[in-house]
Amino acid sequence: MNRKHGLLYSALALLYVLHNDWWLWNDGRLLLGLPVGLVVHVAYMVVTAVVMVLLVRHAWPSHLEVDDPPSSPWQKGRGSR
C-alpha cells in the first residue's frame, strides 16, 4: 500500500467517525432555510461521494479488471442477433 492509498483509507475512516452527528442533533437553528444538521449532512454526503470516487480511481485493485475471453460463441454477441 502506498501513501495515497493510506490517505484515502484514513479519510474513509474519518468520514465513518464523523457520520455520527452528536453535536448538532438538538440544534434548532436554520441555515439556508433547512435545519443546520441537515445542511451539514448534505455537505458530508458530497465529501463522501468525492472520497469514494477517489478510492475507485486510485485504490481499486488492478487485478480485478482482467477481461476474460467469452467461453462460448453465444456470450460473444449478446444483444446483437
N, C-alpha and C. Protein backbone atom coordinates (compact mmCIF):
# COMPACT_ATOMS: atom_id res chain seq x y z
N MET A 1 0.86 -1.17 0.00
CA MET A 1 0.00 0.00 0.00
C MET A 1 0.91 1.24 0.00
N ASN A 2 0.61 2.15 -0.89
CA ASN A 2 1.41 3.37 -0.93
C ASN A 2 0.75 4.47 -0.09
N ARG A 3 1.39 5.61 -0.07
CA ARG A 3 0.93 6.70 0.79
C ARG A 3 -0.46 7.22 0.37
N LYS A 4 -0.71 7.27 -0.95
CA LYS A 4 -2.01 7.76 -1.43
C LYS A 4 -3.14 6.84 -0.95
N HIS A 5 -2.91 5.54 -1.01
CA HIS A 5 -3.92 4.60 -0.53
C HIS A 5 -4.17 4.80 0.96
N GLY A 6 -3.09 4.98 1.71
CA GLY A 6 -3.23 5.18 3.15
C GLY A 6 -4.02 6.44 3.48
N LEU A 7 -3.79 7.51 2.74
CA LEU A 7 -4.54 8.74 2.97
C LEU A 7 -6.02 8.56 2.65
N LEU A 8 -6.30 7.86 1.55
CA LEU A 8 -7.70 7.64 1.18
C LEU A 8 -8.42 6.76 2.20
N TYR A 9 -7.75 5.71 2.66
CA TYR A 9 -8.37 4.85 3.67
C TYR A 9 -8.53 5.59 4.99
N SER A 10 -7.60 6.46 5.33
CA SER A 10 -7.73 7.27 6.55
C SER A 10 -8.90 8.24 6.42
N ALA A 11 -9.07 8.84 5.24
CA ALA A 11 -10.21 9.73 5.01
C ALA A 11 -11.52 8.97 5.14
N LEU A 12 -11.55 7.74 4.66
CA LEU A 12 -12.75 6.92 4.78
C LEU A 12 -13.06 6.62 6.25
N ALA A 13 -12.04 6.30 7.04
CA ALA A 13 -12.24 6.05 8.47
C ALA A 13 -12.72 7.32 9.18
N LEU A 14 -12.15 8.46 8.83
CA LEU A 14 -12.57 9.73 9.43
C LEU A 14 -14.03 10.03 9.08
N LEU A 15 -14.41 9.80 7.84
CA LEU A 15 -15.81 10.02 7.45
C LEU A 15 -16.75 9.10 8.21
N TYR A 16 -16.31 7.88 8.48
CA TYR A 16 -17.12 6.95 9.25
C TYR A 16 -17.37 7.49 10.66
N VAL A 17 -16.33 8.04 11.28
CA VAL A 17 -16.47 8.60 12.63
C VAL A 17 -17.34 9.86 12.60
N LEU A 18 -17.15 10.71 11.59
CA LEU A 18 -17.91 11.96 11.51
C LEU A 18 -19.37 11.75 11.15
N HIS A 19 -19.71 10.59 10.65
CA HIS A 19 -21.10 10.35 10.27
C HIS A 19 -22.04 10.42 11.47
N ASN A 20 -21.55 10.07 12.63
CA ASN A 20 -22.37 10.16 13.84
C ASN A 20 -22.43 11.60 14.29
N ASP A 21 -23.58 12.22 14.08
CA ASP A 21 -23.76 13.65 14.34
C ASP A 21 -24.24 13.86 15.77
N TRP A 22 -23.28 13.91 16.72
CA TRP A 22 -23.65 14.13 18.11
C TRP A 22 -23.82 15.60 18.42
N TRP A 23 -23.10 16.46 17.77
CA TRP A 23 -23.03 17.86 18.19
C TRP A 23 -24.14 18.73 17.63
N LEU A 24 -24.84 18.31 16.59
CA LEU A 24 -25.92 19.14 16.03
C LEU A 24 -27.28 18.46 16.12
N TRP A 25 -27.39 17.41 16.90
CA TRP A 25 -28.62 16.63 16.94
C TRP A 25 -29.79 17.46 17.49
N ASN A 26 -29.57 18.23 18.52
CA ASN A 26 -30.65 19.01 19.13
C ASN A 26 -30.56 20.50 18.80
N ASP A 27 -29.84 20.85 17.77
CA ASP A 27 -29.68 22.25 17.38
C ASP A 27 -30.83 22.64 16.44
N GLY A 28 -31.62 23.62 16.85
CA GLY A 28 -32.79 24.01 16.07
C GLY A 28 -32.56 25.16 15.10
N ARG A 29 -31.32 25.63 14.98
CA ARG A 29 -31.05 26.75 14.07
C ARG A 29 -31.30 26.34 12.61
N LEU A 30 -31.62 27.36 11.82
CA LEU A 30 -31.82 27.13 10.38
C LEU A 30 -30.68 27.74 9.60
N LEU A 31 -30.27 27.05 8.56
CA LEU A 31 -29.23 27.52 7.65
C LEU A 31 -29.73 27.25 6.24
N LEU A 32 -29.84 28.28 5.43
CA LEU A 32 -30.40 28.17 4.08
C LEU A 32 -31.83 27.63 4.10
N GLY A 33 -32.54 27.93 5.18
CA GLY A 33 -33.93 27.51 5.30
C GLY A 33 -34.10 26.06 5.74
N LEU A 34 -33.01 25.39 6.06
CA LEU A 34 -33.05 24.00 6.49
C LEU A 34 -32.39 23.87 7.85
N PRO A 35 -32.75 22.84 8.61
CA PRO A 35 -32.05 22.63 9.88
C PRO A 35 -30.55 22.46 9.65
N VAL A 36 -29.76 23.02 10.54
CA VAL A 36 -28.30 23.03 10.36
C VAL A 36 -27.75 21.61 10.28
N GLY A 37 -28.33 20.68 11.01
CA GLY A 37 -27.87 19.29 10.95
C GLY A 37 -28.08 18.69 9.57
N LEU A 38 -29.16 19.06 8.90
CA LEU A 38 -29.42 18.55 7.55
C LEU A 38 -28.43 19.14 6.55
N VAL A 39 -28.12 20.42 6.69
CA VAL A 39 -27.16 21.06 5.79
C VAL A 39 -25.77 20.42 5.96
N VAL A 40 -25.39 20.16 7.20
CA VAL A 40 -24.10 19.51 7.45
C VAL A 40 -24.11 18.10 6.86
N HIS A 41 -25.22 17.40 6.97
CA HIS A 41 -25.30 16.05 6.42
C HIS A 41 -25.21 16.06 4.90
N VAL A 42 -25.82 17.03 4.25
CA VAL A 42 -25.71 17.15 2.79
C VAL A 42 -24.26 17.40 2.39
N ALA A 43 -23.59 18.29 3.11
CA ALA A 43 -22.18 18.55 2.82
C ALA A 43 -21.34 17.29 3.06
N TYR A 44 -21.66 16.56 4.12
CA TYR A 44 -20.98 15.30 4.42
C TYR A 44 -21.15 14.31 3.26
N MET A 45 -22.34 14.22 2.72
CA MET A 45 -22.60 13.27 1.63
C MET A 45 -21.82 13.65 0.37
N VAL A 46 -21.68 14.94 0.09
CA VAL A 46 -20.90 15.38 -1.07
C VAL A 46 -19.43 15.00 -0.88
N VAL A 47 -18.90 15.26 0.31
CA VAL A 47 -17.50 14.91 0.58
C VAL A 47 -17.30 13.39 0.50
N THR A 48 -18.24 12.63 1.03
CA THR A 48 -18.16 11.17 0.98
C THR A 48 -18.17 10.69 -0.46
N ALA A 49 -19.00 11.26 -1.32
CA ALA A 49 -19.04 10.86 -2.72
C ALA A 49 -17.71 11.14 -3.41
N VAL A 50 -17.10 12.27 -3.10
CA VAL A 50 -15.80 12.60 -3.70
C VAL A 50 -14.73 11.61 -3.23
N VAL A 51 -14.73 11.27 -1.94
CA VAL A 51 -13.76 10.30 -1.44
C VAL A 51 -13.97 8.93 -2.09
N MET A 52 -15.21 8.53 -2.28
CA MET A 52 -15.47 7.23 -2.91
C MET A 52 -15.01 7.23 -4.37
N VAL A 53 -15.19 8.33 -5.10
CA VAL A 53 -14.70 8.42 -6.47
C VAL A 53 -13.17 8.31 -6.48
N LEU A 54 -12.52 8.99 -5.55
CA LEU A 54 -11.06 8.91 -5.47
C LEU A 54 -10.59 7.51 -5.12
N LEU A 55 -11.32 6.82 -4.24
CA LEU A 55 -10.97 5.44 -3.91
C LEU A 55 -11.07 4.54 -5.13
N VAL A 56 -12.13 4.69 -5.90
CA VAL A 56 -12.30 3.85 -7.09
C VAL A 56 -11.22 4.15 -8.13
N ARG A 57 -10.88 5.41 -8.29
CA ARG A 57 -9.88 5.77 -9.31
C ARG A 57 -8.45 5.41 -8.91
N HIS A 58 -8.12 5.52 -7.63
CA HIS A 58 -6.73 5.39 -7.22
C HIS A 58 -6.41 4.16 -6.38
N ALA A 59 -7.40 3.54 -5.77
CA ALA A 59 -7.10 2.42 -4.88
C ALA A 59 -7.79 1.12 -5.30
N TRP A 60 -8.44 1.12 -6.45
CA TRP A 60 -9.11 -0.10 -6.93
C TRP A 60 -8.06 -1.12 -7.34
N PRO A 61 -8.19 -2.37 -6.91
CA PRO A 61 -7.20 -3.38 -7.28
C PRO A 61 -7.21 -3.65 -8.79
N SER A 62 -6.06 -3.54 -9.42
CA SER A 62 -5.99 -3.70 -10.87
C SER A 62 -6.23 -5.13 -11.32
N HIS A 63 -5.98 -6.11 -10.46
CA HIS A 63 -6.19 -7.50 -10.87
C HIS A 63 -7.67 -7.84 -11.04
N LEU A 64 -8.56 -6.99 -10.57
CA LEU A 64 -9.99 -7.23 -10.76
C LEU A 64 -10.47 -6.78 -12.13
N GLU A 65 -9.65 -6.09 -12.88
CA GLU A 65 -10.04 -5.55 -14.17
C GLU A 65 -9.59 -6.40 -15.35
N VAL A 66 -9.25 -7.65 -15.13
CA VAL A 66 -8.81 -8.53 -16.21
C VAL A 66 -10.04 -9.00 -16.96
N ASP A 67 -10.03 -8.80 -18.29
CA ASP A 67 -11.14 -9.25 -19.12
C ASP A 67 -10.94 -10.71 -19.49
N ASP A 68 -11.95 -11.52 -19.22
CA ASP A 68 -11.90 -12.92 -19.60
C ASP A 68 -12.50 -13.08 -20.99
N PRO A 69 -11.89 -13.94 -21.82
CA PRO A 69 -12.49 -14.18 -23.13
C PRO A 69 -13.81 -14.94 -22.96
N PRO A 70 -14.76 -14.74 -23.87
CA PRO A 70 -16.03 -15.46 -23.76
C PRO A 70 -15.80 -16.97 -23.87
N SER A 71 -16.54 -17.74 -23.08
CA SER A 71 -16.35 -19.18 -23.08
C SER A 71 -17.19 -19.88 -24.13
N SER A 72 -18.18 -19.21 -24.69
CA SER A 72 -18.99 -19.81 -25.76
C SER A 72 -19.32 -18.75 -26.79
N PRO A 73 -19.63 -19.17 -28.00
CA PRO A 73 -19.98 -18.17 -29.03
C PRO A 73 -21.25 -17.42 -28.71
N TRP A 74 -22.11 -17.96 -27.86
CA TRP A 74 -23.36 -17.27 -27.52
C TRP A 74 -23.10 -16.07 -26.63
N GLN A 75 -22.05 -16.09 -25.82
CA GLN A 75 -21.75 -14.97 -24.94
C GLN A 75 -21.06 -13.84 -25.68
N LYS A 76 -20.45 -14.13 -26.81
CA LYS A 76 -19.66 -13.11 -27.52
C LYS A 76 -20.54 -11.99 -28.06
N GLY A 77 -21.67 -12.34 -28.65
CA GLY A 77 -22.51 -11.32 -29.29
C GLY A 77 -23.80 -11.08 -28.60
N ARG A 78 -23.82 -10.99 -27.29
CA ARG A 78 -25.06 -10.76 -26.57
C ARG A 78 -25.72 -9.48 -27.00
N GLY A 79 -27.02 -9.56 -27.23
CA GLY A 79 -27.78 -8.37 -27.57
C GLY A 79 -27.83 -8.06 -29.05
N SER A 80 -26.94 -8.60 -29.84
CA SER A 80 -26.98 -8.33 -31.29
C SER A 80 -27.21 -9.64 -32.01
N ARG A 81 -28.42 -9.80 -32.55
CA ARG A 81 -28.76 -11.03 -33.26
C ARG A 81 -29.02 -10.75 -34.69
